[in-house]
Amino acid sequence: MTTQDSQPTPSLEENILKILTRDSAKTLSAPEVAQAIAPEADWHSLLMPIRRAAVALAQAGRLVIYRKGKPADPLDFRGVYRLGLPRQD
């Protein structure tokens, strides 16, 4: 029996944070995050999982959900939103 070096697949939450860390001064929309995660695949199917992961990360204080340029309540937002890392002001 042979063993293979397999690295665990990063979770969706880890992928979102990794993408946001690339340019921490910038916010990204859910479609931008989805396209970064799956550039060659059908990224539309990732939109709802990204929203759920973003809510969980926002509740944990690891990212901020923005609506119309202002931080939104992660449990009560609708429509177009953007994701960003918490500011270290």
Protein backbone atom coordinates (compact mmCIF):
# COMPACT_ATOMS: atom_id res chain seq x y z
CA MET A 1 0.00 0.00 0.00
CA THR A 2 1.39 3.39 -0.92
CA THR A 3 0.81 6.60 0.93
CA GLN A 4 0.12 9.84 -0.80
CA ASP A 5 0.92 13.28 0.51
CA SER A 6 -2.48 14.83 0.61
CA GLN A 7 -3.14 18.22 2.04
CA PRO A 8 -6.54 18.91 3.48
CA THR A 9 -8.79 20.98 1.27
CA PRO A 10 -9.17 24.48 2.70
CA SER A 11 -12.64 25.24 3.96
CA LEU A 12 -14.77 27.86 2.29
CA GLU A 13 -14.19 30.17 5.26
CA GLU A 14 -10.41 29.76 4.92
CA ASN A 15 -10.63 30.46 1.17
CA ILE A 16 -12.66 33.64 1.74
CA LEU A 17 -10.19 34.95 4.32
CA LYS A 18 -7.22 34.06 2.10
CA ILE A 19 -8.74 35.98 -0.83
CA LEU A 20 -9.53 39.01 1.33
CA THR A 21 -6.01 38.95 2.80
CA ARG A 22 -4.46 39.43 -0.66
CA ASP A 23 -5.52 43.08 -0.56
CA SER A 24 -6.81 43.79 2.93
CA ALA A 25 -7.64 47.44 2.11
CA LYS A 26 -10.16 46.33 -0.51
CA THR A 27 -13.67 44.90 -0.22
CA LEU A 28 -14.96 42.24 -2.58
CA SER A 29 -18.44 41.24 -3.70
CA ALA A 30 -19.65 37.66 -3.31
CA PRO A 31 -19.36 37.05 -7.10
CA GLU A 32 -15.74 38.30 -7.02
CA VAL A 33 -14.94 35.91 -4.17
CA ALA A 34 -16.72 33.03 -5.94
CA GLN A 35 -14.80 33.66 -9.17
CA ALA A 36 -11.52 33.75 -7.25
CA ILE A 37 -12.33 30.40 -5.61
CA ALA A 38 -13.54 28.67 -8.79
CA PRO A 39 -12.31 30.63 -11.82
CA GLU A 40 -12.86 27.78 -14.28
CA ALA A 41 -16.05 26.33 -12.78
CA ASP A 42 -19.64 27.40 -12.35
CA TRP A 43 -19.08 29.85 -9.52
CA HIS A 44 -22.77 30.79 -9.26
CA SER A 45 -23.41 27.74 -7.09
CA LEU A 46 -20.99 29.17 -4.51
CA LEU A 47 -22.95 32.37 -3.85
CA MET A 48 -25.26 31.04 -1.11
CA PRO A 49 -22.52 29.03 0.64
CA ILE A 50 -20.31 32.16 0.56
CA ARG A 51 -23.11 34.19 2.13
CA ARG A 52 -23.57 31.61 4.92
CA ALA A 53 -19.80 31.43 5.52
CA ALA A 54 -19.56 35.24 5.53
CA VAL A 55 -22.29 35.50 8.16
CA ALA A 56 -20.49 32.96 10.36
CA LEU A 57 -17.15 34.76 9.90
CA ALA A 58 -18.74 38.14 10.61
CA GLN A 59 -20.33 36.82 13.80
CA ALA A 60 -16.89 35.59 14.86
CA GLY A 61 -15.39 39.02 14.13
CA ARG A 62 -13.12 37.74 11.35
CA LEU A 63 -14.65 39.78 8.51
CA VAL A 64 -17.08 42.62 7.96
CA ILE A 65 -20.12 42.57 5.70
CA TYR A 66 -20.70 45.94 4.04
CA ARG A 67 -23.95 47.19 2.59
CA LYS A 68 -23.89 50.54 0.78
CA GLY A 69 -20.38 51.15 2.11
CA LYS A 70 -21.30 50.72 5.77
CA PRO A 71 -20.95 47.72 8.07
CA ALA A 72 -24.14 45.67 8.08
CA ASP A 73 -25.67 43.45 10.73
CA PRO A 74 -24.66 39.93 9.64
CA LEU A 75 -28.03 38.56 10.71
CA ASP A 76 -30.11 41.24 8.99
CA PHE A 77 -28.90 42.39 5.58
CA ARG A 78 -30.35 42.12 2.12
CA GLY A 79 -29.32 42.79 -1.43
CA VAL A 80 -25.88 43.53 -2.75
CA TYR A 81 -23.10 43.29 -0.18
CA ARG A 82 -19.33 43.32 -0.03
CA LEU A 83 -16.87 41.55 2.23
CA GLY A 84 -13.79 42.97 3.88
CA LEU A 85 -11.40 42.31 6.71
CA PRO A 86 -11.90 44.17 10.00
CA ARG A 87 -9.96 47.41 10.03
CA GLN A 88 -7.08 47.76 12.44
CA ASP A 89 -7.43 51.52 13.00
